[in-house]
Amino acid sequence: MELLIITAARAFEKDIKSLLKKAGVKTFSYMDVTGYKDQEGESISANWFASSIGERQSVLFYAFVPTLTVDEVMLKIRNLNESQESESKIHVAVMDIKRMNNI
């Protein structure tokens, strides 16, 4: 079992929900978050937030999933990121779960 964590610009919310369902993730949680990046010394065109403020409305997804499902999600996210013309990408991280109380 692993913890899948996905962050992205809010514009990707529907894409991520669809991607998770197609990968077989039946249960997940998500919430709106504010992303922040310190852009001091960085040109506006070079940052993925594409604004001088450094904040962006984002979305955070998380789910407990089997390892094989993680591989499927990672592949789908990579394919989606490669197909996007946007500088903003979907970011994903995976954490190994050693124990859970409901397994």
PDB file of N, CA and C in Angstrom:
ATOM      1  N   MET A   1       0.842  -1.172   0.000  1.00  0.00           N
ATOM      2  CA  MET A   1       0.000   0.000   0.000  1.00  0.00           C
ATOM      3  C   MET A   1       0.892   1.241   0.000  1.00  0.00           C
ATOM      4  N   GLU A   2       0.483   2.235  -0.760  1.00  0.00           N
ATOM      5  CA  GLU A   2       1.263   3.460  -0.842  1.00  0.00           C
ATOM      6  C   GLU A   2       0.339   4.667  -0.795  1.00  0.00           C
ATOM      7  N   LEU A   3       0.892   5.789  -0.359  1.00  0.00           N
ATOM      8  CA  LEU A   3       0.162   7.049  -0.338  1.00  0.00           C
ATOM      9  C   LEU A   3       0.556   7.839  -1.576  1.00  0.00           C
ATOM     10  N   LEU A   4      -0.413   8.118  -2.403  1.00  0.00           N
ATOM     11  CA  LEU A   4      -0.214   8.873  -3.628  1.00  0.00           C
ATOM     12  C   LEU A   4      -0.621  10.318  -3.355  1.00  0.00           C
ATOM     13  N   ILE A   5       0.259  11.271  -3.655  1.00  0.00           N
ATOM     14  CA  ILE A   5      -0.007  12.688  -3.438  1.00  0.00           C
ATOM     15  C   ILE A   5       0.170  13.410  -4.773  1.00  0.00           C
ATOM     16  N   ILE A   6      -0.850  14.143  -5.174  1.00  0.00           N
ATOM     17  CA  ILE A   6      -0.817  14.843  -6.457  1.00  0.00           C
ATOM     18  C   ILE A   6      -1.155  16.313  -6.217  1.00  0.00           C
ATOM     19  N   THR A   7      -0.348  17.209  -6.783  1.00  0.00           N
ATOM     20  CA  THR A   7      -0.655  18.629  -6.745  1.00  0.00           C
ATOM     21  C   THR A   7      -0.619  19.168  -8.168  1.00  0.00           C
ATOM     22  N   ALA A   8      -1.469  20.157  -8.418  1.00  0.00           N
ATOM     23  CA  ALA A   8      -1.526  20.752  -9.745  1.00  0.00           C
ATOM     24  C   ALA A   8      -2.314  22.054  -9.681  1.00  0.00           C
ATOM     25  N   ALA A   9      -2.219  22.828 -10.744  1.00  0.00           N
ATOM     26  CA  ALA A   9      -3.065  24.006 -10.882  1.00  0.00           C
ATOM     27  C   ALA A   9      -4.515  23.542 -10.908  1.00  0.00           C
ATOM     28  N   ARG A  10      -5.404  24.342 -10.381  1.00  0.00           N
ATOM     29  CA  ARG A  10      -6.815  23.963 -10.297  1.00  0.00           C
ATOM     30  C   ARG A  10      -7.400  23.635 -11.671  1.00  0.00           C
ATOM     31  N   ALA A  11      -6.847  24.187 -12.719  1.00  0.00           N
ATOM     32  CA  ALA A  11      -7.337  23.919 -14.074  1.00  0.00           C
ATOM     33  C   ALA A  11      -7.250  22.440 -14.445  1.00  0.00           C
ATOM     34  N   PHE A  12      -6.408  21.669 -13.757  1.00  0.00           N
ATOM     35  CA  PHE A  12      -6.232  20.244 -14.044  1.00  0.00           C
ATOM     36  C   PHE A  12      -7.155  19.340 -13.216  1.00  0.00           C
ATOM     37  N   GLU A  13      -8.012  19.909 -12.386  1.00  0.00           N
ATOM     38  CA  GLU A  13      -8.825  19.111 -11.458  1.00  0.00           C
ATOM     39  C   GLU A  13      -9.633  18.023 -12.173  1.00  0.00           C
ATOM     40  N   LYS A  14     -10.360  18.373 -13.210  1.00  0.00           N
ATOM     41  CA  LYS A  14     -11.182  17.379 -13.923  1.00  0.00           C
ATOM     42  C   LYS A  14     -10.320  16.307 -14.571  1.00  0.00           C
ATOM     43  N   ASP A  15      -9.184  16.717 -15.147  1.00  0.00           N
ATOM     44  CA  ASP A  15      -8.271  15.754 -15.776  1.00  0.00           C
ATOM     45  C   ASP A  15      -7.754  14.750 -14.761  1.00  0.00           C
ATOM     46  N   ILE A  16      -7.406  15.222 -13.570  1.00  0.00           N
ATOM     47  CA  ILE A  16      -6.858  14.334 -12.540  1.00  0.00           C
ATOM     48  C   ILE A  16      -7.935  13.366 -12.040  1.00  0.00           C
ATOM     49  N   LYS A  17      -9.147  13.858 -11.827  1.00  0.00           N
ATOM     50  CA  LYS A  17     -10.234  12.972 -11.396  1.00  0.00           C
ATOM     51  C   LYS A  17     -10.459  11.863 -12.419  1.00  0.00           C
ATOM     52  N   SER A  18     -10.503  12.229 -13.674  1.00  0.00           N
ATOM     53  CA  SER A  18     -10.696  11.244 -14.746  1.00  0.00           C
ATOM     54  C   SER A  18      -9.539  10.259 -14.804  1.00  0.00           C
ATOM     55  N   LEU A  19      -8.330  10.760 -14.689  1.00  0.00           N
ATOM     56  CA  LEU A  19      -7.129   9.933 -14.718  1.00  0.00           C
ATOM     57  C   LEU A  19      -7.134   8.918 -13.580  1.00  0.00           C
ATOM     58  N   LEU A  20      -7.485   9.361 -12.378  1.00  0.00           N
ATOM     59  CA  LEU A  20      -7.514   8.454 -11.230  1.00  0.00           C
ATOM     60  C   LEU A  20      -8.555   7.357 -11.431  1.00  0.00           C
ATOM     61  N   LYS A  21      -9.736   7.731 -11.905  1.00  0.00           N
ATOM     62  CA  LYS A  21     -10.782   6.736 -12.140  1.00  0.00           C
ATOM     63  C   LYS A  21     -10.359   5.725 -13.198  1.00  0.00           C
ATOM     64  N   LYS A  22      -9.742   6.191 -14.280  1.00  0.00           N
ATOM     65  CA  LYS A  22      -9.295   5.291 -15.349  1.00  0.00           C
ATOM     66  C   LYS A  22      -8.180   4.362 -14.879  1.00  0.00           C
ATOM     67  N   ALA A  23      -7.397   4.810 -13.897  1.00  0.00           N
ATOM     68  CA  ALA A  23      -6.309   3.988 -13.357  1.00  0.00           C
ATOM     69  C   ALA A  23      -6.807   3.007 -12.300  1.00  0.00           C
ATOM     70  N   GLY A  24      -8.090   3.064 -11.970  1.00  0.00           N
ATOM     71  CA  GLY A  24      -8.643   2.126 -10.998  1.00  0.00           C
ATOM     72  C   GLY A  24      -8.638   2.612  -9.566  1.00  0.00           C
ATOM     73  N   VAL A  25      -8.362   3.901  -9.351  1.00  0.00           N
ATOM     74  CA  VAL A  25      -8.400   4.453  -7.997  1.00  0.00           C
ATOM     75  C   VAL A  25      -9.862   4.741  -7.676  1.00  0.00           C
ATOM     76  N   LYS A  26     -10.430   3.956  -6.764  1.00  0.00           N
ATOM     77  CA  LYS A  26     -11.855   4.058  -6.466  1.00  0.00           C
ATOM     78  C   LYS A  26     -12.169   5.067  -5.367  1.00  0.00           C
ATOM     79  N   THR A  27     -11.182   5.333  -4.519  1.00  0.00           N
ATOM     80  CA  THR A  27     -11.384   6.248  -3.402  1.00  0.00           C
ATOM     81  C   THR A  27     -10.208   7.205  -3.324  1.00  0.00           C
ATOM     82  N   PHE A  28     -10.500   8.488  -3.289  1.00  0.00           N
ATOM     83  CA  PHE A  28      -9.464   9.498  -3.121  1.00  0.00           C
ATOM     84  C   PHE A  28     -10.065  10.727  -2.486  1.00  0.00           C
ATOM     85  N   SER A  29      -9.221  11.569  -1.959  1.00  0.00           N
ATOM     86  CA  SER A  29      -9.648  12.838  -1.369  1.00  0.00           C
ATOM     87  C   SER A  29      -8.953  13.957  -2.111  1.00  0.00           C
ATOM     88  N   TYR A  30      -9.599  15.112  -2.137  1.00  0.00           N
ATOM     89  CA  TYR A  30      -8.957  16.271  -2.745  1.00  0.00           C
ATOM     90  C   TYR A  30      -9.456  17.549  -2.088  1.00  0.00           C
ATOM     91  N   MET A  31      -8.669  18.592  -2.215  1.00  0.00           N
ATOM     92  CA  MET A  31      -9.019  19.878  -1.624  1.00  0.00           C
ATOM     93  C   MET A  31      -8.325  21.003  -2.381  1.00  0.00           C
ATOM     94  N   ASP A  32      -8.917  22.167  -2.303  1.00  0.00           N
ATOM     95  CA  ASP A  32      -8.298  23.350  -2.868  1.00  0.00           C
ATOM     96  C   ASP A  32      -7.179  23.802  -1.941  1.00  0.00           C
ATOM     97  N   VAL A  33      -6.073  24.207  -2.528  1.00  0.00           N
ATOM     98  CA  VAL A  33      -4.941  24.732  -1.768  1.00  0.00           C
ATOM     99  C   VAL A  33      -4.380  25.932  -2.522  1.00  0.00           C
ATOM    100  N   THR A  34      -3.619  26.733  -1.829  1.00  0.00           N
ATOM    101  CA  THR A  34      -2.925  27.836  -2.472  1.00  0.00           C
ATOM    102  C   THR A  34      -1.463  27.452  -2.607  1.00  0.00           C
ATOM    103  N   GLY A  35      -0.991  27.361  -3.844  1.00  0.00           N
ATOM    104  CA  GLY A  35       0.414  27.064  -4.095  1.00  0.00           C
ATOM    105  C   GLY A  35       1.220  28.346  -3.990  1.00  0.00           C
ATOM    106  N   TYR A  36       2.445  28.245  -3.553  1.00  0.00           N
ATOM    107  CA  TYR A  36       3.306  29.411  -3.430  1.00  0.00           C
ATOM    108  C   TYR A  36       4.714  29.063  -3.883  1.00  0.00           C
ATOM    109  N   LYS A  37       5.336  29.987  -4.576  1.00  0.00           N
ATOM    110  CA  LYS A  37       6.730  29.828  -4.972  1.00  0.00           C
ATOM    111  C   LYS A  37       7.410  31.185  -4.843  1.00  0.00           C
ATOM    112  N   ASP A  38       8.537  31.235  -4.148  1.00  0.00           N
ATOM    113  CA  ASP A  38       9.304  32.468  -4.018  1.00  0.00           C
ATOM    114  C   ASP A  38       9.939  32.758  -5.362  1.00  0.00           C
ATOM    115  N   GLN A  39       9.548  33.862  -5.958  1.00  0.00           N
ATOM    116  CA  GLN A  39      10.001  34.170  -7.312  1.00  0.00           C
ATOM    117  C   GLN A  39      11.018  35.299  -7.357  1.00  0.00           C
ATOM    118  N   GLU A  40      11.599  35.606  -6.221  1.00  0.00           N
ATOM    119  CA  GLU A  40      12.586  36.668  -6.176  1.00  0.00           C
ATOM    120  C   GLU A  40      13.738  36.346  -7.116  1.00  0.00           C
ATOM    121  N   GLY A  41      14.041  37.261  -7.985  1.00  0.00           N
ATOM    122  CA  GLY A  41      15.156  37.082  -8.916  1.00  0.00           C
ATOM    123  C   GLY A  41      14.823  36.231 -10.128  1.00  0.00           C
ATOM    124  N   GLU A  42      13.572  35.863 -10.290  1.00  0.00           N
ATOM    125  CA  GLU A  42      13.168  35.014 -11.409  1.00  0.00           C
ATOM    126  C   GLU A  42      12.248  35.813 -12.320  1.00  0.00           C
ATOM    127  N   SER A  43      12.473  35.750 -13.608  1.00  0.00           N
ATOM    128  CA  SER A  43      11.604  36.480 -14.527  1.00  0.00           C
ATOM    129  C   SER A  43      10.219  35.856 -14.537  1.00  0.00           C
ATOM    130  N   ILE A  44       9.204  36.643 -14.795  1.00  0.00           N
ATOM    131  CA  ILE A  44       7.822  36.152 -14.792  1.00  0.00           C
ATOM    132  C   ILE A  44       7.644  35.047 -15.821  1.00  0.00           C
ATOM    133  N   SER A  45       8.280  35.147 -16.961  1.00  0.00           N
ATOM    134  CA  SER A  45       8.112  34.134 -18.004  1.00  0.00           C
ATOM    135  C   SER A  45       8.793  32.812 -17.663  1.00  0.00           C
ATOM    136  N   ALA A  46       9.689  32.802 -16.690  1.00  0.00           N
ATOM    137  CA  ALA A  46      10.433  31.584 -16.362  1.00  0.00           C
ATOM    138  C   ALA A  46       9.794  30.767 -15.244  1.00  0.00           C
ATOM    139  N   ASN A  47       8.730  31.272 -14.601  1.00  0.00           N
ATOM    140  CA  ASN A  47       8.167  30.522 -13.491  1.00  0.00           C
ATOM    141  C   ASN A  47       6.860  29.854 -13.875  1.00  0.00           C
ATOM    142  N   TRP A  48       6.569  28.705 -13.260  1.00  0.00           N
ATOM    143  CA  TRP A  48       5.384  27.932 -13.637  1.00  0.00           C
ATOM    144  C   TRP A  48       4.101  28.518 -13.092  1.00  0.00           C
ATOM    145  N   PHE A  49       4.198  29.459 -12.134  1.00  0.00           N
ATOM    146  CA  PHE A  49       2.999  30.122 -11.660  1.00  0.00           C
ATOM    147  C   PHE A  49       2.561  31.225 -12.626  1.00  0.00           C
ATOM    148  N   ALA A  50       3.465  31.704 -13.456  1.00  0.00           N
ATOM    149  CA  ALA A  50       3.190  32.696 -14.492  1.00  0.00           C
ATOM    150  C   ALA A  50       2.555  33.975 -13.942  1.00  0.00           C
ATOM    151  N   SER A  51       2.940  34.379 -12.763  1.00  0.00           N
ATOM    152  CA  SER A  51       2.505  35.658 -12.211  1.00  0.00           C
ATOM    153  C   SER A  51       3.595  36.156 -11.274  1.00  0.00           C
ATOM    154  N   SER A  52       3.571  37.433 -11.005  1.00  0.00           N
ATOM    155  CA  SER A  52       4.604  37.991 -10.138  1.00  0.00           C
ATOM    156  C   SER A  52       4.260  37.828  -8.662  1.00  0.00           C
ATOM    157  N   ILE A  53       3.043  37.450  -8.336  1.00  0.00           N
ATOM    158  CA  ILE A  53       2.610  37.335  -6.947  1.00  0.00           C
ATOM    159  C   ILE A  53       3.207  36.109  -6.268  1.00  0.00           C
ATOM    160  N   GLY A  54       3.364  35.012  -6.992  1.00  0.00           N
ATOM    161  CA  GLY A  54       3.943  33.808  -6.408  1.00  0.00           C
ATOM    162  C   GLY A  54       2.909  32.852  -5.852  1.00  0.00           C
ATOM    163  N   GLU A  55       1.617  33.205  -5.908  1.00  0.00           N
ATOM    164  CA  GLU A  55       0.566  32.327  -5.418  1.00  0.00           C
ATOM    165  C   GLU A  55      -0.324  31.888  -6.575  1.00  0.00           C
ATOM    166  N   ARG A  56      -0.836  30.669  -6.456  1.00  0.00           N
ATOM    167  CA  ARG A  56      -1.710  30.142  -7.497  1.00  0.00           C
ATOM    168  C   ARG A  56      -2.735  29.218  -6.855  1.00  0.00           C
ATOM    169  N   GLN A  57      -3.950  29.302  -7.331  1.00  0.00           N
ATOM    170  CA  GLN A  57      -4.998  28.410  -6.856  1.00  0.00           C
ATOM    171  C   GLN A  57      -4.712  27.015  -7.401  1.00  0.00           C
ATOM    172  N   SER A  58      -4.559  26.075  -6.506  1.00  0.00           N
ATOM    173  CA  SER A  58      -4.150  24.727  -6.860  1.00  0.00           C
ATOM    174  C   SER A  58      -5.085  23.711  -6.232  1.00  0.00           C
ATOM    175  N   VAL A  59      -4.833  22.457  -6.538  1.00  0.00           N
ATOM    176  CA  VAL A  59      -5.616  21.372  -5.975  1.00  0.00           C
ATOM    177  C   VAL A  59      -4.650  20.294  -5.493  1.00  0.00           C
ATOM    178  N   LEU A  60      -5.007  19.644  -4.382  1.00  0.00           N
ATOM    179  CA  LEU A  60      -4.204  18.581  -3.788  1.00  0.00           C
ATOM    180  C   LEU A  60      -5.078  17.334  -3.706  1.00  0.00           C
ATOM    181  N   PHE A  61      -4.591  16.235  -4.277  1.00  0.00           N
ATOM    182  CA  PHE A  61      -5.272  14.945  -4.217  1.00  0.00           C
ATOM    183  C   PHE A  61      -4.415  13.994  -3.401  1.00  0.00           C
ATOM    184  N   TYR A  62      -5.049  13.080  -2.674  1.00  0.00           N
ATOM    185  CA  TYR A  62      -4.305  12.006  -2.035  1.00  0.00           C
ATOM    186  C   TYR A  62      -5.170  10.759  -1.966  1.00  0.00           C
ATOM    187  N   ALA A  63      -4.484   9.609  -2.033  1.00  0.00           N
ATOM    188  CA  ALA A  63      -5.179   8.327  -2.008  1.00  0.00           C
ATOM    189  C   ALA A  63      -4.226   7.250  -1.525  1.00  0.00           C
ATOM    190  N   PHE A  64      -4.768   6.270  -0.823  1.00  0.00           N
ATOM    191  CA  PHE A  64      -4.022   5.076  -0.446  1.00  0.00           C
ATOM    192  C   PHE A  64      -4.300   4.040  -1.528  1.00  0.00           C
ATOM    193  N   VAL A  65      -3.254   3.607  -2.221  1.00  0.00           N
ATOM    194  CA  VAL A  65      -3.440   2.720  -3.372  1.00  0.00           C
ATOM    195  C   VAL A  65      -2.384   1.604  -3.391  1.00  0.00           C
ATOM    196  N   PRO A  66      -2.694   0.482  -4.043  1.00  0.00           N
ATOM    197  CA  PRO A  66      -1.703  -0.584  -4.214  1.00  0.00           C
ATOM    198  C   PRO A  66      -0.572  -0.124  -5.143  1.00  0.00           C
ATOM    199  N   THR A  67       0.585  -0.729  -5.006  1.00  0.00           N
ATOM    200  CA  THR A  67       1.753  -0.356  -5.796  1.00  0.00           C
ATOM    201  C   THR A  67       1.488  -0.418  -7.301  1.00  0.00           C
ATOM    202  N   LEU A  68       0.810  -1.443  -7.763  1.00  0.00           N
ATOM    203  CA  LEU A  68       0.527  -1.551  -9.205  1.00  0.00           C
ATOM    204  C   LEU A  68      -0.320  -0.389  -9.700  1.00  0.00           C
ATOM    205  N   THR A  69      -1.222   0.083  -8.880  1.00  0.00           N
ATOM    206  CA  THR A  69      -2.048   1.226  -9.255  1.00  0.00           C
ATOM    207  C   THR A  69      -1.206   2.492  -9.332  1.00  0.00           C
ATOM    208  N   VAL A  70      -0.247   2.631  -8.429  1.00  0.00           N
ATOM    209  CA  VAL A  70       0.653   3.788  -8.459  1.00  0.00           C
ATOM    210  C   VAL A  70       1.375   3.846  -9.796  1.00  0.00           C
ATOM    211  N   ASP A  71       1.873   2.714 -10.257  1.00  0.00           N
ATOM    212  CA  ASP A  71       2.585   2.681 -11.536  1.00  0.00           C
ATOM    213  C   ASP A  71       1.693   3.154 -12.680  1.00  0.00           C
ATOM    214  N   GLU A  72       0.437   2.751 -12.658  1.00  0.00           N
ATOM    215  CA  GLU A  72      -0.522   3.152 -13.697  1.00  0.00           C
ATOM    216  C   GLU A  72      -0.801   4.657 -13.633  1.00  0.00           C
ATOM    217  N   VAL A  73      -0.978   5.178 -12.433  1.00  0.00           N
ATOM    218  CA  VAL A  73      -1.224   6.615 -12.259  1.00  0.00           C
ATOM    219  C   VAL A  73      -0.009   7.418 -12.727  1.00  0.00           C
ATOM    220  N   MET A  74       1.173   6.984 -12.328  1.00  0.00           N
ATOM    221  CA  MET A  74       2.394   7.692 -12.727  1.00  0.00           C
ATOM    222  C   MET A  74       2.526   7.751 -14.247  1.00  0.00           C
ATOM    223  N   LEU A  75       2.242   6.658 -14.926  1.00  0.00           N
ATOM    224  CA  LEU A  75       2.310   6.619 -16.386  1.00  0.00           C
ATOM    225  C   LEU A  75       1.289   7.577 -16.995  1.00  0.00           C
ATOM    226  N   LYS A  76       0.087   7.571 -16.495  1.00  0.00           N
ATOM    227  CA  LYS A  76      -0.958   8.446 -17.022  1.00  0.00           C
ATOM    228  C   LYS A  76      -0.621   9.921 -16.790  1.00  0.00           C
ATOM    229  N   ILE A  77      -0.064  10.252 -15.638  1.00  0.00           N
ATOM    230  CA  ILE A  77       0.330  11.633 -15.362  1.00  0.00           C
ATOM    231  C   ILE A  77       1.480  12.053 -16.274  1.00  0.00           C
ATOM    232  N   ARG A  78       2.449  11.181 -16.461  1.00  0.00           N
ATOM    233  CA  ARG A  78       3.563  11.501 -17.368  1.00  0.00           C
ATOM    234  C   ARG A  78       3.037  11.777 -18.779  1.00  0.00           C
ATOM    235  N   ASN A  79       2.128  10.918 -19.255  1.00  0.00           N
ATOM    236  CA  ASN A  79       1.560  11.106 -20.591  1.00  0.00           C
ATOM    237  C   ASN A  79       0.770  12.408 -20.684  1.00  0.00           C
ATOM    238  N   LEU A  80      -0.004  12.721 -19.655  1.00  0.00           N
ATOM    239  CA  LEU A  80      -0.770  13.958 -19.661  1.00  0.00           C
ATOM    240  C   LEU A  80       0.152  15.173 -19.642  1.00  0.00           C
ATOM    241  N   ASN A  81       1.179  15.142 -18.795  1.00  0.00           N
ATOM    242  CA  ASN A  81       2.132  16.257 -18.747  1.00  0.00           C
ATOM    243  C   ASN A  81       2.822  16.464 -20.093  1.00  0.00           C
ATOM    244  N   GLU A  82       3.195  15.369 -20.752  1.00  0.00           N
ATOM    245  CA  GLU A  82       3.880  15.480 -22.034  1.00  0.00           C
ATOM    246  C   GLU A  82       2.965  16.028 -23.129  1.00  0.00           C
ATOM    247  N   SER A  83       1.665  15.808 -22.990  1.00  0.00           N
ATOM    248  CA  SER A  83       0.727  16.273 -24.014  1.00  0.00           C
ATOM    249  C   SER A  83       0.284  17.722 -23.803  1.00  0.00           C
ATOM    250  N   GLN A  84       0.588  18.299 -22.643  1.00  0.00           N
ATOM    251  CA  GLN A  84       0.167  19.663 -22.328  1.00  0.00           C
ATOM    252  C   GLN A  84       1.119  20.693 -22.925  1.00  0.00           C
ATOM    253  N   GLU A  85       0.539  21.772 -23.431  1.00  0.00           N
ATOM    254  CA  GLU A  85       1.354  22.887 -23.910  1.00  0.00           C
ATOM    255  C   GLU A  85       1.661  23.858 -22.779  1.00  0.00           C
ATOM    256  N   SER A  86       0.936  23.740 -21.685  1.00  0.00           N
ATOM    257  CA  SER A  86       1.100  24.617 -20.533  1.00  0.00           C
ATOM    258  C   SER A  86       2.446  24.374 -19.853  1.00  0.00           C
ATOM    259  N   GLU A  87       3.007  25.437 -19.300  1.00  0.00           N
ATOM    260  CA  GLU A  87       4.231  25.304 -18.504  1.00  0.00           C
ATOM    261  C   GLU A  87       3.938  24.640 -17.166  1.00  0.00           C
ATOM    262  N   SER A  88       2.712  24.798 -16.687  1.00  0.00           N
ATOM    263  CA  SER A  88       2.315  24.194 -15.422  1.00  0.00           C
ATOM    264  C   SER A  88       2.105  22.699 -15.630  1.00  0.00           C
ATOM    265  N   LYS A  89       2.614  21.900 -14.741  1.00  0.00           N
ATOM    266  CA  LYS A  89       2.512  20.441 -14.836  1.00  0.00           C
ATOM    267  C   LYS A  89       1.846  19.872 -13.590  1.00  0.00           C
ATOM    268  N   ILE A  90       1.406  18.641 -13.719  1.00  0.00           N
ATOM    269  CA  ILE A  90       0.878  17.909 -12.584  1.00  0.00           C
ATOM    270  C   ILE A  90       2.060  17.282 -11.857  1.00  0.00           C
ATOM    271  N   HIS A  91       2.111  17.460 -10.552  1.00  0.00           N
ATOM    272  CA  HIS A  91       3.216  16.938  -9.742  1.00  0.00           C
ATOM    273  C   HIS A  91       2.690  15.783  -8.892  1.00  0.00           C
ATOM    274  N   VAL A  92       3.482  14.721  -8.800  1.00  0.00           N
ATOM    275  CA  VAL A  92       3.045  13.546  -8.047  1.00  0.00           C
ATOM    276  C   VAL A  92       4.196  13.030  -7.184  1.00  0.00           C
ATOM    277  N   ALA A  93       3.848  12.574  -5.986  1.00  0.00           N
ATOM    278  CA  ALA A  93       4.818  11.958  -5.078  1.00  0.00           C
ATOM    279  C   ALA A  93       4.169  10.716  -4.483  1.00  0.00           C
ATOM    280  N   VAL A  94       5.009   9.760  -4.105  1.00  0.00           N
ATOM    281  CA  VAL A  94       4.523   8.503  -3.552  1.00  0.00           C
ATOM    282  C   VAL A  94       5.282   8.220  -2.258  1.00  0.00           C
ATOM    283  N   MET A  95       4.532   7.832  -1.235  1.00  0.00           N
ATOM    284  CA  MET A  95       5.138   7.459   0.041  1.00  0.00           C
ATOM    285  C   MET A  95       4.725   6.036   0.380  1.00  0.00           C
ATOM    286  N   ASP A  96       5.687   5.234   0.801  1.00  0.00           N
ATOM    287  CA  ASP A  96       5.417   3.862   1.207  1.00  0.00           C
ATOM    288  C   ASP A  96       4.722   3.865   2.572  1.00  0.00           C
ATOM    289  N   ILE A  97       3.681   3.082   2.680  1.00  0.00           N
ATOM    290  CA  ILE A  97       2.951   2.964   3.946  1.00  0.00           C
ATOM    291  C   ILE A  97       3.377   1.660   4.615  1.00  0.00           C
ATOM    292  N   LYS A  98       3.979   1.754   5.789  1.00  0.00           N
ATOM    293  CA  LYS A  98       4.445   0.571   6.492  1.00  0.00           C
ATOM    294  C   LYS A  98       3.325  -0.159   7.204  1.00  0.00           C
ATOM    295  N   ARG A  99       2.386   0.613   7.779  1.00  0.00           N
ATOM    296  CA  ARG A  99       1.278   0.006   8.507  1.00  0.00           C
ATOM    297  C   ARG A  99       0.043   0.883   8.361  1.00  0.00           C
ATOM    298  N   MET A 100      -1.108   0.209   8.399  1.00  0.00           N
ATOM    299  CA  MET A 100      -2.383   0.918   8.423  1.00  0.00           C
ATOM    300  C   MET A 100      -3.299   0.192   9.403  1.00  0.00           C
ATOM    301  N   ASN A 101      -4.219   0.904   9.986  1.00  0.00           N
ATOM    302  CA  ASN A 101      -5.086   0.286  10.991  1.00  0.00           C
ATOM    303  C   ASN A 101      -6.265  -0.464  10.390  1.00  0.00           C
ATOM    304  N   ASN A 102      -6.531  -0.351   9.090  1.00  0.00           N
ATOM    305  CA  ASN A 102      -7.708  -0.994   8.525  1.00  0.00           C
ATOM    306  C   ASN A 102      -7.403  -2.023   7.458  1.00  0.00           C
ATOM    307  N   ILE A 103      -6.217  -2.597   7.477  1.00  0.00           N
ATOM    308  CA  ILE A 103      -5.859  -3.623   6.493  1.00  0.00           C
ATOM    309  C   ILE A 103      -6.040  -4.998   7.102  1.00  0.00           C
TER     310      ILE A 103
END
